[in-house]
Amino acid sequence: MPNEIRIPSPSFAPLRSRLKGSVMDDPFTRGRYATDASIYQMMPHAVVVPETLGDVEATLDFAREQGIAVLPRGGGTSQCGQTVNHAVVIDASKHLNRILELDVEGPLPCRARHRP
C-alpha cells in the first residue's frame, strides 16, 4: 500500500498563457507552500503569484474548468493548517498588496478596493 495519496494535477501551461503573473509547479516551490506554522503538510498542485485582479479571475476560471480547489494564502502563519491543501495556492502578497479604500458600512461586512 502506498504511504501517500496521489492526486492528479492538470497541466498548467494553459493557465500560464493567460496570466501576467507567475504560475509555479516545480517541486521546490510547491514544497515551500506545502507547510505553514502548523504540523500539517500538503503539497499544492501549483502556486500562482498574480500581478493583476485579472490574473486572480483567470486562475479561478481555470480551477473551475479543471475541477480543482483554490486556496488563498497570506503569510502562512496558520497554526491549524488552513493555508495548506491539494489545491492551486494564490499568493497575492507580492503584487496585490495595497488597499486603496475600505468600506465597512456598505452592503458587505467589509469590502476592499484594490489597485496594483
PDB file of N, CA and C in Angstrom:
ATOM      1  N   MET A   1       0.833  -1.188   0.000  1.00  0.00           N
ATOM      2  CA  MET A   1       0.000   0.000   0.000  1.00  0.00           C
ATOM      3  C   MET A   1       0.875   1.247   0.000  1.00  0.00           C
ATOM      4  N   PRO A   2       0.505   2.210  -0.793  1.00  0.00           N
ATOM      5  CA  PRO A   2       1.298   3.449  -0.790  1.00  0.00           C
ATOM      6  C   PRO A   2       1.092   4.228   0.499  1.00  0.00           C
ATOM      7  N   ASN A   3       2.109   4.972   0.874  1.00  0.00           N
ATOM      8  CA  ASN A   3       2.044   5.803   2.077  1.00  0.00           C
ATOM      9  C   ASN A   3       1.385   7.149   1.817  1.00  0.00           C
ATOM     10  N   GLU A   4       1.170   7.462   0.572  1.00  0.00           N
ATOM     11  CA  GLU A   4       0.703   8.801   0.221  1.00  0.00           C
ATOM     12  C   GLU A   4      -0.385   8.697  -0.843  1.00  0.00           C
ATOM     13  N   ILE A   5      -1.400   9.509  -0.711  1.00  0.00           N
ATOM     14  CA  ILE A   5      -2.438   9.565  -1.731  1.00  0.00           C
ATOM     15  C   ILE A   5      -1.928  10.464  -2.851  1.00  0.00           C
ATOM     16  N   ARG A   6      -1.990   9.985  -4.059  1.00  0.00           N
ATOM     17  CA  ARG A   6      -1.551  10.782  -5.205  1.00  0.00           C
ATOM     18  C   ARG A   6      -2.785  11.369  -5.892  1.00  0.00           C
ATOM     19  N   ILE A   7      -2.822  12.671  -5.957  1.00  0.00           N
ATOM     20  CA  ILE A   7      -3.934  13.371  -6.584  1.00  0.00           C
ATOM     21  C   ILE A   7      -3.438  13.914  -7.913  1.00  0.00           C
ATOM     22  N   PRO A   8      -4.097  13.533  -9.022  1.00  0.00           N
ATOM     23  CA  PRO A   8      -3.624  14.011 -10.323  1.00  0.00           C
ATOM     24  C   PRO A   8      -3.659  15.532 -10.419  1.00  0.00           C
ATOM     25  N   SER A   9      -2.660  16.071 -11.058  1.00  0.00           N
ATOM     26  CA  SER A   9      -2.549  17.519 -11.216  1.00  0.00           C
ATOM     27  C   SER A   9      -2.615  17.845 -12.706  1.00  0.00           C
ATOM     28  N   PRO A  10      -3.405  18.834 -13.092  1.00  0.00           N
ATOM     29  CA  PRO A  10      -3.506  19.171 -14.516  1.00  0.00           C
ATOM     30  C   PRO A  10      -2.251  19.874 -15.014  1.00  0.00           C
ATOM     31  N   SER A  11      -2.149  19.998 -16.325  1.00  0.00           N
ATOM     32  CA  SER A  11      -1.086  20.805 -16.910  1.00  0.00           C
ATOM     33  C   SER A  11      -1.428  22.275 -16.683  1.00  0.00           C
ATOM     34  N   PHE A  12      -0.448  23.039 -16.270  1.00  0.00           N
ATOM     35  CA  PHE A  12      -0.678  24.451 -16.000  1.00  0.00           C
ATOM     36  C   PHE A  12      -0.230  25.354 -17.145  1.00  0.00           C
ATOM     37  N   ALA A  13       0.193  24.769 -18.271  1.00  0.00           N
ATOM     38  CA  ALA A  13       0.596  25.572 -19.431  1.00  0.00           C
ATOM     39  C   ALA A  13      -0.532  26.486 -19.918  1.00  0.00           C
ATOM     40  N   PRO A  14      -1.784  26.003 -20.005  1.00  0.00           N
ATOM     41  CA  PRO A  14      -2.855  26.916 -20.442  1.00  0.00           C
ATOM     42  C   PRO A  14      -3.050  28.101 -19.494  1.00  0.00           C
ATOM     43  N   LEU A  15      -2.871  27.875 -18.205  1.00  0.00           N
ATOM     44  CA  LEU A  15      -3.014  28.971 -17.246  1.00  0.00           C
ATOM     45  C   LEU A  15      -1.874  29.967 -17.396  1.00  0.00           C
ATOM     46  N   ARG A  16      -0.659  29.469 -17.579  1.00  0.00           N
ATOM     47  CA  ARG A  16       0.497  30.365 -17.752  1.00  0.00           C
ATOM     48  C   ARG A  16       0.266  31.345 -18.905  1.00  0.00           C
ATOM     49  N   SER A  17      -0.330  30.844 -19.976  1.00  0.00           N
ATOM     50  CA  SER A  17      -0.525  31.698 -21.156  1.00  0.00           C
ATOM     51  C   SER A  17      -1.572  32.784 -20.915  1.00  0.00           C
ATOM     52  N   ARG A  18      -2.397  32.650 -19.877  1.00  0.00           N
ATOM     53  CA  ARG A  18      -3.448  33.631 -19.580  1.00  0.00           C
ATOM     54  C   ARG A  18      -2.997  34.721 -18.606  1.00  0.00           C
ATOM     55  N   LEU A  19      -1.879  34.512 -17.913  1.00  0.00           N
ATOM     56  CA  LEU A  19      -1.519  35.395 -16.799  1.00  0.00           C
ATOM     57  C   LEU A  19      -0.341  36.302 -17.099  1.00  0.00           C
ATOM     58  N   LYS A  20      -0.336  37.458 -16.453  1.00  0.00           N
ATOM     59  CA  LYS A  20       0.844  38.321 -16.405  1.00  0.00           C
ATOM     60  C   LYS A  20       1.760  37.864 -15.278  1.00  0.00           C
ATOM     61  N   GLY A  21       1.167  37.323 -14.225  1.00  0.00           N
ATOM     62  CA  GLY A  21       1.911  36.855 -13.058  1.00  0.00           C
ATOM     63  C   GLY A  21       2.525  35.483 -13.292  1.00  0.00           C
ATOM     64  N   SER A  22       2.972  34.867 -12.211  1.00  0.00           N
ATOM     65  CA  SER A  22       3.692  33.598 -12.270  1.00  0.00           C
ATOM     66  C   SER A  22       2.808  32.421 -11.890  1.00  0.00           C
ATOM     67  N   VAL A  23       3.069  31.287 -12.549  1.00  0.00           N
ATOM     68  CA  VAL A  23       2.490  30.000 -12.171  1.00  0.00           C
ATOM     69  C   VAL A  23       3.674  29.076 -11.939  1.00  0.00           C
ATOM     70  N   MET A  24       3.821  28.591 -10.725  1.00  0.00           N
ATOM     71  CA  MET A  24       4.956  27.738 -10.383  1.00  0.00           C
ATOM     72  C   MET A  24       4.445  26.376  -9.929  1.00  0.00           C
ATOM     73  N   ASP A  25       4.895  25.327 -10.627  1.00  0.00           N
ATOM     74  CA  ASP A  25       4.503  23.983 -10.227  1.00  0.00           C
ATOM     75  C   ASP A  25       5.710  23.062 -10.072  1.00  0.00           C
ATOM     76  N   ASP A  26       6.864  23.671  -9.887  1.00  0.00           N
ATOM     77  CA  ASP A  26       8.076  22.887  -9.661  1.00  0.00           C
ATOM     78  C   ASP A  26       8.086  22.351  -8.227  1.00  0.00           C
ATOM     79  N   PRO A  27       8.770  21.242  -7.983  1.00  0.00           N
ATOM     80  CA  PRO A  27       8.759  20.623  -6.650  1.00  0.00           C
ATOM     81  C   PRO A  27       9.266  21.537  -5.533  1.00  0.00           C
ATOM     82  N   PHE A  28      10.267  22.366  -5.809  1.00  0.00           N
ATOM     83  CA  PHE A  28      10.813  23.233  -4.764  1.00  0.00           C
ATOM     84  C   PHE A  28       9.773  24.243  -4.287  1.00  0.00           C
ATOM     85  N   THR A  29       9.150  24.953  -5.231  1.00  0.00           N
ATOM     86  CA  THR A  29       8.150  25.961  -4.859  1.00  0.00           C
ATOM     87  C   THR A  29       6.958  25.309  -4.188  1.00  0.00           C
ATOM     88  N   ARG A  30       6.471  24.216  -4.756  1.00  0.00           N
ATOM     89  CA  ARG A  30       5.332  23.524  -4.156  1.00  0.00           C
ATOM     90  C   ARG A  30       5.670  23.073  -2.736  1.00  0.00           C
ATOM     91  N   GLY A  31       6.896  22.625  -2.524  1.00  0.00           N
ATOM     92  CA  GLY A  31       7.314  22.205  -1.185  1.00  0.00           C
ATOM     93  C   GLY A  31       7.327  23.354  -0.194  1.00  0.00           C
ATOM     94  N   ARG A  32       7.734  24.535  -0.649  1.00  0.00           N
ATOM     95  CA  ARG A  32       7.734  25.714   0.234  1.00  0.00           C
ATOM     96  C   ARG A  32       6.328  26.077   0.679  1.00  0.00           C
ATOM     97  N   TYR A  33       5.353  25.859  -0.182  1.00  0.00           N
ATOM     98  CA  TYR A  33       3.965  26.197   0.136  1.00  0.00           C
ATOM     99  C   TYR A  33       3.195  25.017   0.730  1.00  0.00           C
ATOM    100  N   ALA A  34       3.847  23.893   0.942  1.00  0.00           N
ATOM    101  CA  ALA A  34       3.184  22.706   1.491  1.00  0.00           C
ATOM    102  C   ALA A  34       3.070  22.760   3.009  1.00  0.00           C
ATOM    103  N   THR A  35       3.678  23.756   3.629  1.00  0.00           N
ATOM    104  CA  THR A  35       3.659  23.844   5.088  1.00  0.00           C
ATOM    105  C   THR A  35       3.241  25.245   5.523  1.00  0.00           C
ATOM    106  N   ASP A  36       2.827  25.326   6.762  1.00  0.00           N
ATOM    107  CA  ASP A  36       2.576  26.618   7.399  1.00  0.00           C
ATOM    108  C   ASP A  36       3.121  26.500   8.819  1.00  0.00           C
ATOM    109  N   ALA A  37       2.615  27.265   9.741  1.00  0.00           N
ATOM    110  CA  ALA A  37       3.128  27.211  11.114  1.00  0.00           C
ATOM    111  C   ALA A  37       2.562  26.027  11.898  1.00  0.00           C
ATOM    112  N   SER A  38       1.703  25.236  11.257  1.00  0.00           N
ATOM    113  CA  SER A  38       1.123  24.068  11.926  1.00  0.00           C
ATOM    114  C   SER A  38       1.976  22.830  11.640  1.00  0.00           C
ATOM    115  N   ILE A  39       1.487  21.684  12.065  1.00  0.00           N
ATOM    116  CA  ILE A  39       2.194  20.426  11.805  1.00  0.00           C
ATOM    117  C   ILE A  39       1.776  19.805  10.479  1.00  0.00           C
ATOM    118  N   TYR A  40       0.793  20.392   9.799  1.00  0.00           N
ATOM    119  CA  TYR A  40       0.247  19.808   8.580  1.00  0.00           C
ATOM    120  C   TYR A  40       1.135  20.097   7.376  1.00  0.00           C
ATOM    121  N   GLN A  41       1.204  19.123   6.477  1.00  0.00           N
ATOM    122  CA  GLN A  41       1.958  19.284   5.238  1.00  0.00           C
ATOM    123  C   GLN A  41       1.139  18.674   4.108  1.00  0.00           C
ATOM    124  N   MET A  42       0.755  19.496   3.158  1.00  0.00           N
ATOM    125  CA  MET A  42       0.003  19.035   1.993  1.00  0.00           C
ATOM    126  C   MET A  42       0.546  19.754   0.767  1.00  0.00           C
ATOM    127  N   MET A  43       0.958  18.975  -0.228  1.00  0.00           N
ATOM    128  CA  MET A  43       1.574  19.536  -1.426  1.00  0.00           C
ATOM    129  C   MET A  43       0.511  20.164  -2.333  1.00  0.00           C
ATOM    130  N   PRO A  44       0.622  21.457  -2.617  1.00  0.00           N
ATOM    131  CA  PRO A  44      -0.327  22.077  -3.549  1.00  0.00           C
ATOM    132  C   PRO A  44      -0.041  21.624  -4.981  1.00  0.00           C
ATOM    133  N   HIS A  45      -1.036  21.773  -5.860  1.00  0.00           N
ATOM    134  CA  HIS A  45      -0.836  21.460  -7.278  1.00  0.00           C
ATOM    135  C   HIS A  45       0.110  22.474  -7.911  1.00  0.00           C
ATOM    136  N   ALA A  46      -0.061  23.736  -7.547  1.00  0.00           N
ATOM    137  CA  ALA A  46       0.740  24.826  -8.109  1.00  0.00           C
ATOM    138  C   ALA A  46       0.556  26.055  -7.239  1.00  0.00           C
ATOM    139  N   VAL A  47       1.422  27.028  -7.454  1.00  0.00           N
ATOM    140  CA  VAL A  47       1.340  28.314  -6.756  1.00  0.00           C
ATOM    141  C   VAL A  47       1.235  29.405  -7.816  1.00  0.00           C
ATOM    142  N   VAL A  48       0.229  30.260  -7.673  1.00  0.00           N
ATOM    143  CA  VAL A  48       0.043  31.389  -8.581  1.00  0.00           C
ATOM    144  C   VAL A  48       0.355  32.665  -7.815  1.00  0.00           C
ATOM    145  N   VAL A  49       1.217  33.497  -8.403  1.00  0.00           N
ATOM    146  CA  VAL A  49       1.519  34.816  -7.845  1.00  0.00           C
ATOM    147  C   VAL A  49       0.966  35.830  -8.847  1.00  0.00           C
ATOM    148  N   PRO A  50      -0.275  36.283  -8.634  1.00  0.00           N
ATOM    149  CA  PRO A  50      -0.918  37.168  -9.609  1.00  0.00           C
ATOM    150  C   PRO A  50      -0.351  38.581  -9.564  1.00  0.00           C
ATOM    151  N   GLU A  51      -0.306  39.220 -10.741  1.00  0.00           N
ATOM    152  CA  GLU A  51       0.086  40.632 -10.810  1.00  0.00           C
ATOM    153  C   GLU A  51      -1.128  41.541 -10.893  1.00  0.00           C
ATOM    154  N   THR A  52      -2.255  41.001 -11.343  1.00  0.00           N
ATOM    155  CA  THR A  52      -3.463  41.805 -11.527  1.00  0.00           C
ATOM    156  C   THR A  52      -4.681  41.052 -10.997  1.00  0.00           C
ATOM    157  N   LEU A  53      -5.768  41.781 -10.820  1.00  0.00           N
ATOM    158  CA  LEU A  53      -7.017  41.127 -10.442  1.00  0.00           C
ATOM    159  C   LEU A  53      -7.491  40.215 -11.567  1.00  0.00           C
ATOM    160  N   GLY A  54      -7.170  40.556 -12.809  1.00  0.00           N
ATOM    161  CA  GLY A  54      -7.482  39.684 -13.939  1.00  0.00           C
ATOM    162  C   GLY A  54      -6.791  38.338 -13.826  1.00  0.00           C
ATOM    163  N   ASP A  55      -5.569  38.329 -13.280  1.00  0.00           N
ATOM    164  CA  ASP A  55      -4.865  37.064 -13.044  1.00  0.00           C
ATOM    165  C   ASP A  55      -5.618  36.199 -12.038  1.00  0.00           C
ATOM    166  N   VAL A  56      -6.152  36.831 -11.002  1.00  0.00           N
ATOM    167  CA  VAL A  56      -6.923  36.087  -9.999  1.00  0.00           C
ATOM    168  C   VAL A  56      -8.168  35.501 -10.655  1.00  0.00           C
ATOM    169  N   GLU A  57      -8.868  36.315 -11.447  1.00  0.00           N
ATOM    170  CA  GLU A  57     -10.073  35.838 -12.127  1.00  0.00           C
ATOM    171  C   GLU A  57      -9.753  34.684 -13.069  1.00  0.00           C
ATOM    172  N   ALA A  58      -8.666  34.792 -13.834  1.00  0.00           N
ATOM    173  CA  ALA A  58      -8.283  33.729 -14.765  1.00  0.00           C
ATOM    174  C   ALA A  58      -7.919  32.453 -14.015  1.00  0.00           C
ATOM    175  N   THR A  59      -7.270  32.594 -12.866  1.00  0.00           N
ATOM    176  CA  THR A  59      -6.917  31.423 -12.056  1.00  0.00           C
ATOM    177  C   THR A  59      -8.171  30.738 -11.532  1.00  0.00           C
ATOM    178  N   LEU A  60      -9.126  31.522 -11.064  1.00  0.00           N
ATOM    179  CA  LEU A  60     -10.385  30.945 -10.583  1.00  0.00           C
ATOM    180  C   LEU A  60     -11.130  30.247 -11.719  1.00  0.00           C
ATOM    181  N   ASP A  61     -11.145  30.851 -12.902  1.00  0.00           N
ATOM    182  CA  ASP A  61     -11.787  30.219 -14.061  1.00  0.00           C
ATOM    183  C   ASP A  61     -11.110  28.894 -14.397  1.00  0.00           C
ATOM    184  N   PHE A  62      -9.782  28.891 -14.433  1.00  0.00           N
ATOM    185  CA  PHE A  62      -9.019  27.680 -14.742  1.00  0.00           C
ATOM    186  C   PHE A  62      -9.314  26.583 -13.723  1.00  0.00           C
ATOM    187  N   ALA A  63      -9.298  26.934 -12.455  1.00  0.00           N
ATOM    188  CA  ALA A  63      -9.552  25.940 -11.407  1.00  0.00           C
ATOM    189  C   ALA A  63     -10.963  25.368 -11.533  1.00  0.00           C
ATOM    190  N   ARG A  64     -11.918  26.220 -11.838  1.00  0.00           N
ATOM    191  CA  ARG A  64     -13.293  25.748 -12.018  1.00  0.00           C
ATOM    192  C   ARG A  64     -13.365  24.797 -13.214  1.00  0.00           C
ATOM    193  N   GLU A  65     -12.714  25.148 -14.317  1.00  0.00           N
ATOM    194  CA  GLU A  65     -12.698  24.291 -15.511  1.00  0.00           C
ATOM    195  C   GLU A  65     -12.069  22.931 -15.215  1.00  0.00           C
ATOM    196  N   GLN A  66     -11.023  22.928 -14.385  1.00  0.00           N
ATOM    197  CA  GLN A  66     -10.295  21.695 -14.077  1.00  0.00           C
ATOM    198  C   GLN A  66     -10.901  20.929 -12.901  1.00  0.00           C
ATOM    199  N   GLY A  67     -11.811  21.560 -12.178  1.00  0.00           N
ATOM    200  CA  GLY A  67     -12.420  20.905 -11.019  1.00  0.00           C
ATOM    201  C   GLY A  67     -11.470  20.756  -9.843  1.00  0.00           C
ATOM    202  N   ILE A  68     -10.573  21.732  -9.666  1.00  0.00           N
ATOM    203  CA  ILE A  68      -9.628  21.672  -8.547  1.00  0.00           C
ATOM    204  C   ILE A  68      -9.855  22.846  -7.599  1.00  0.00           C
ATOM    205  N   ALA A  69      -9.462  22.645  -6.371  1.00  0.00           N
ATOM    206  CA  ALA A  69      -9.663  23.650  -5.326  1.00  0.00           C
ATOM    207  C   ALA A  69      -8.680  24.808  -5.475  1.00  0.00           C
ATOM    208  N   VAL A  70      -9.071  25.942  -4.903  1.00  0.00           N
ATOM    209  CA  VAL A  70      -8.228  27.140  -4.853  1.00  0.00           C
ATOM    210  C   VAL A  70      -8.069  27.523  -3.395  1.00  0.00           C
ATOM    211  N   LEU A  71      -6.860  27.926  -3.029  1.00  0.00           N
ATOM    212  CA  LEU A  71      -6.578  28.279  -1.647  1.00  0.00           C
ATOM    213  C   LEU A  71      -5.852  29.622  -1.594  1.00  0.00           C
ATOM    214  N   PRO A  72      -6.478  30.670  -1.062  1.00  0.00           N
ATOM    215  CA  PRO A  72      -5.755  31.935  -0.890  1.00  0.00           C
ATOM    216  C   PRO A  72      -4.763  31.803   0.254  1.00  0.00           C
ATOM    217  N   ARG A  73      -3.620  32.445   0.110  1.00  0.00           N
ATOM    218  CA  ARG A  73      -2.599  32.328   1.155  1.00  0.00           C
ATOM    219  C   ARG A  73      -1.980  33.687   1.423  1.00  0.00           C
ATOM    220  N   GLY A  74      -1.768  33.949   2.688  1.00  0.00           N
ATOM    221  CA  GLY A  74      -1.088  35.170   3.095  1.00  0.00           C
ATOM    222  C   GLY A  74       0.319  34.828   3.542  1.00  0.00           C
ATOM    223  N   GLY A  75       0.568  34.984   4.829  1.00  0.00           N
ATOM    224  CA  GLY A  75       1.899  34.751   5.362  1.00  0.00           C
ATOM    225  C   GLY A  75       2.196  33.317   5.742  1.00  0.00           C
ATOM    226  N   GLY A  76       1.200  32.435   5.673  1.00  0.00           N
ATOM    227  CA  GLY A  76       1.430  31.040   6.053  1.00  0.00           C
ATOM    228  C   GLY A  76       1.627  30.866   7.543  1.00  0.00           C
ATOM    229  N   THR A  77       1.006  31.736   8.336  1.00  0.00           N
ATOM    230  CA  THR A  77       1.214  31.689   9.785  1.00  0.00           C
ATOM    231  C   THR A  77       0.145  30.899  10.524  1.00  0.00           C
ATOM    232  N   SER A  78      -0.748  30.250   9.802  1.00  0.00           N
ATOM    233  CA  SER A  78      -1.800  29.469  10.452  1.00  0.00           C
ATOM    234  C   SER A  78      -1.196  28.364  11.305  1.00  0.00           C
ATOM    235  N   GLN A  79      -1.744  28.171  12.467  1.00  0.00           N
ATOM    236  CA  GLN A  79      -1.295  27.081  13.332  1.00  0.00           C
ATOM    237  C   GLN A  79      -2.267  25.911  13.301  1.00  0.00           C
ATOM    238  N   CYS A  80      -3.253  25.977  12.406  1.00  0.00           N
ATOM    239  CA  CYS A  80      -4.268  24.924  12.314  1.00  0.00           C
ATOM    240  C   CYS A  80      -4.363  24.331  10.916  1.00  0.00           C
ATOM    241  N   GLY A  81      -3.466  24.670  10.012  1.00  0.00           N
ATOM    242  CA  GLY A  81      -3.428  24.060   8.693  1.00  0.00           C
ATOM    243  C   GLY A  81      -4.325  24.666   7.637  1.00  0.00           C
ATOM    244  N   GLN A  82      -4.890  25.853   7.876  1.00  0.00           N
ATOM    245  CA  GLN A  82      -5.800  26.436   6.893  1.00  0.00           C
ATOM    246  C   GLN A  82      -5.111  26.838   5.589  1.00  0.00           C
ATOM    247  N   THR A  83      -3.816  27.021   5.588  1.00  0.00           N
ATOM    248  CA  THR A  83      -3.147  27.527   4.385  1.00  0.00           C
ATOM    249  C   THR A  83      -2.483  26.434   3.562  1.00  0.00           C
ATOM    250  N   VAL A  84      -2.755  25.174   3.853  1.00  0.00           N
ATOM    251  CA  VAL A  84      -2.188  24.080   3.066  1.00  0.00           C
ATOM    252  C   VAL A  84      -3.313  23.161   2.597  1.00  0.00           C
ATOM    253  N   ASN A  85      -3.184  22.677   1.350  1.00  0.00           N
ATOM    254  CA  ASN A  85      -4.159  21.745   0.804  1.00  0.00           C
ATOM    255  C   ASN A  85      -3.692  21.320  -0.581  1.00  0.00           C
ATOM    256  N   HIS A  86      -4.313  20.277  -1.116  1.00  0.00           N
ATOM    257  CA  HIS A  86      -4.078  19.871  -2.501  1.00  0.00           C
ATOM    258  C   HIS A  86      -4.925  20.800  -3.362  1.00  0.00           C
ATOM    259  N   ALA A  87      -4.372  21.931  -3.727  1.00  0.00           N
ATOM    260  CA  ALA A  87      -5.120  22.986  -4.399  1.00  0.00           C
ATOM    261  C   ALA A  87      -4.157  23.860  -5.189  1.00  0.00           C
ATOM    262  N   VAL A  88      -4.719  24.811  -5.907  1.00  0.00           N
ATOM    263  CA  VAL A  88      -3.917  25.877  -6.503  1.00  0.00           C
ATOM    264  C   VAL A  88      -3.859  26.980  -5.458  1.00  0.00           C
ATOM    265  N   VAL A  89      -2.667  27.277  -4.988  1.00  0.00           N
ATOM    266  CA  VAL A  89      -2.481  28.321  -3.982  1.00  0.00           C
ATOM    267  C   VAL A  89      -2.323  29.659  -4.697  1.00  0.00           C
ATOM    268  N   ILE A  90      -3.082  30.651  -4.257  1.00  0.00           N
ATOM    269  CA  ILE A  90      -2.935  32.011  -4.789  1.00  0.00           C
ATOM    270  C   ILE A  90      -2.271  32.856  -3.714  1.00  0.00           C
ATOM    271  N   ASP A  91      -1.046  33.292  -3.991  1.00  0.00           N
ATOM    272  CA  ASP A  91      -0.303  34.144  -3.063  1.00  0.00           C
ATOM    273  C   ASP A  91      -0.262  35.554  -3.644  1.00  0.00           C
ATOM    274  N   ALA A  92      -1.147  36.410  -3.160  1.00  0.00           N
ATOM    275  CA  ALA A  92      -1.260  37.774  -3.682  1.00  0.00           C
ATOM    276  C   ALA A  92      -0.378  38.766  -2.935  1.00  0.00           C
ATOM    277  N   SER A  93       0.453  38.299  -2.022  1.00  0.00           N
ATOM    278  CA  SER A  93       1.207  39.209  -1.157  1.00  0.00           C
ATOM    279  C   SER A  93       2.301  39.993  -1.887  1.00  0.00           C
ATOM    280  N   LYS A  94       2.762  39.518  -3.039  1.00  0.00           N
ATOM    281  CA  LYS A  94       3.865  40.203  -3.719  1.00  0.00           C
ATOM    282  C   LYS A  94       3.398  41.434  -4.497  1.00  0.00           C
ATOM    283  N   HIS A  95       2.331  41.300  -5.282  1.00  0.00           N
ATOM    284  CA  HIS A  95       1.907  42.399  -6.153  1.00  0.00           C
ATOM    285  C   HIS A  95       0.597  43.048  -5.725  1.00  0.00           C
ATOM    286  N   LEU A  96      -0.333  42.279  -5.220  1.00  0.00           N
ATOM    287  CA  LEU A  96      -1.649  42.813  -4.847  1.00  0.00           C
ATOM    288  C   LEU A  96      -1.650  43.090  -3.353  1.00  0.00           C
ATOM    289  N   ASN A  97      -0.886  44.076  -2.960  1.00  0.00           N
ATOM    290  CA  ASN A  97      -0.618  44.278  -1.533  1.00  0.00           C
ATOM    291  C   ASN A  97      -0.982  45.669  -1.011  1.00  0.00           C
ATOM    292  N   ARG A  98      -1.862  46.382  -1.728  1.00  0.00           N
ATOM    293  CA  ARG A  98      -2.273  47.709  -1.257  1.00  0.00           C
ATOM    294  C   ARG A  98      -3.792  47.811  -1.281  1.00  0.00           C
ATOM    295  N   ILE A  99      -4.363  48.302  -0.221  1.00  0.00           N
ATOM    296  CA  ILE A  99      -5.796  48.562  -0.167  1.00  0.00           C
ATOM    297  C   ILE A  99      -5.982  50.064  -0.294  1.00  0.00           C
ATOM    298  N   LEU A 100      -6.747  50.483  -1.282  1.00  0.00           N
ATOM    299  CA  LEU A 100      -6.957  51.909  -1.516  1.00  0.00           C
ATOM    300  C   LEU A 100      -8.173  52.450  -0.790  1.00  0.00           C
ATOM    301  N   GLU A 101      -9.136  51.596  -0.535  1.00  0.00           N
ATOM    302  CA  GLU A 101     -10.376  52.051   0.073  1.00  0.00           C
ATOM    303  C   GLU A 101     -10.982  50.894   0.852  1.00  0.00           C
ATOM    304  N   LEU A 102     -11.521  51.175   2.009  1.00  0.00           N
ATOM    305  CA  LEU A 102     -12.159  50.156   2.833  1.00  0.00           C
ATOM    306  C   LEU A 102     -13.543  50.651   3.210  1.00  0.00           C
ATOM    307  N   ASP A 103     -14.567  49.930   2.771  1.00  0.00           N
ATOM    308  CA  ASP A 103     -15.954  50.319   3.028  1.00  0.00           C
ATOM    309  C   ASP A 103     -16.527  49.384   4.083  1.00  0.00           C
ATOM    310  N   VAL A 104     -16.594  49.835   5.325  1.00  0.00           N
ATOM    311  CA  VAL A 104     -17.096  48.982   6.410  1.00  0.00           C
ATOM    312  C   VAL A 104     -18.580  49.199   6.679  1.00  0.00           C
ATOM    313  N   GLU A 105     -19.185  50.171   6.013  1.00  0.00           N
ATOM    314  CA  GLU A 105     -20.602  50.445   6.239  1.00  0.00           C
ATOM    315  C   GLU A 105     -21.470  50.082   5.039  1.00  0.00           C
ATOM    316  N   GLY A 106     -20.889  49.535   3.989  1.00  0.00           N
ATOM    317  CA  GLY A 106     -21.641  49.170   2.795  1.00  0.00           C
ATOM    318  C   GLY A 106     -22.422  47.879   2.982  1.00  0.00           C
ATOM    319  N   PRO A 107     -22.957  47.334   1.881  1.00  0.00           N
ATOM    320  CA  PRO A 107     -23.790  46.139   1.962  1.00  0.00           C
ATOM    321  C   PRO A 107     -23.027  44.881   2.381  1.00  0.00           C
ATOM    322  N   LEU A 108     -21.732  44.859   2.180  1.00  0.00           N
ATOM    323  CA  LEU A 108     -20.919  43.729   2.626  1.00  0.00           C
ATOM    324  C   LEU A 108     -20.282  44.091   3.955  1.00  0.00           C
ATOM    325  N   PRO A 109     -20.035  43.097   4.825  1.00  0.00           N
ATOM    326  CA  PRO A 109     -19.413  43.417   6.121  1.00  0.00           C
ATOM    327  C   PRO A 109     -18.099  44.178   5.976  1.00  0.00           C
ATOM    328  N   CYS A 110     -17.328  43.833   4.957  1.00  0.00           N
ATOM    329  CA  CYS A 110     -16.061  44.524   4.719  1.00  0.00           C
ATOM    330  C   CYS A 110     -15.724  44.344   3.247  1.00  0.00           C
ATOM    331  N   ARG A 111     -15.493  45.421   2.544  1.00  0.00           N
ATOM    332  CA  ARG A 111     -15.173  45.333   1.125  1.00  0.00           C
ATOM    333  C   ARG A 111     -13.975  46.230   0.864  1.00  0.00           C
ATOM    334  N   ALA A 112     -12.994  45.697   0.178  1.00  0.00           N
ATOM    335  CA  ALA A 112     -11.802  46.477  -0.140  1.00  0.00           C
ATOM    336  C   ALA A 112     -11.726  46.696  -1.642  1.00  0.00           C
ATOM    337  N   ARG A 113     -11.241  47.840  -2.050  1.00  0.00           N
ATOM    338  CA  ARG A 113     -10.962  48.125  -3.458  1.00  0.00           C
ATOM    339  C   ARG A 113      -9.455  48.162  -3.591  1.00  0.00           C
ATOM    340  N   HIS A 114      -8.943  47.533  -4.625  1.00  0.00           N
ATOM    341  CA  HIS A 114      -7.504  47.394  -4.768  1.00  0.00           C
ATOM    342  C   HIS A 114      -7.051  47.848  -6.146  1.00  0.00           C
ATOM    343  N   ARG A 115      -5.865  48.400  -6.202  1.00  0.00           N
ATOM    344  CA  ARG A 115      -5.214  48.706  -7.473  1.00  0.00           C
ATOM    345  C   ARG A 115      -3.765  48.268  -7.340  1.00  0.00           C
ATOM    346  N   PRO A 116      -3.265  47.468  -8.292  1.00  0.00           N
ATOM    347  CA  PRO A 116      -1.856  47.023  -8.204  1.00  0.00           C
ATOM    348  C   PRO A 116      -0.880  48.164  -8.386  1.00  0.00           C
TER     349      PRO A 116
END
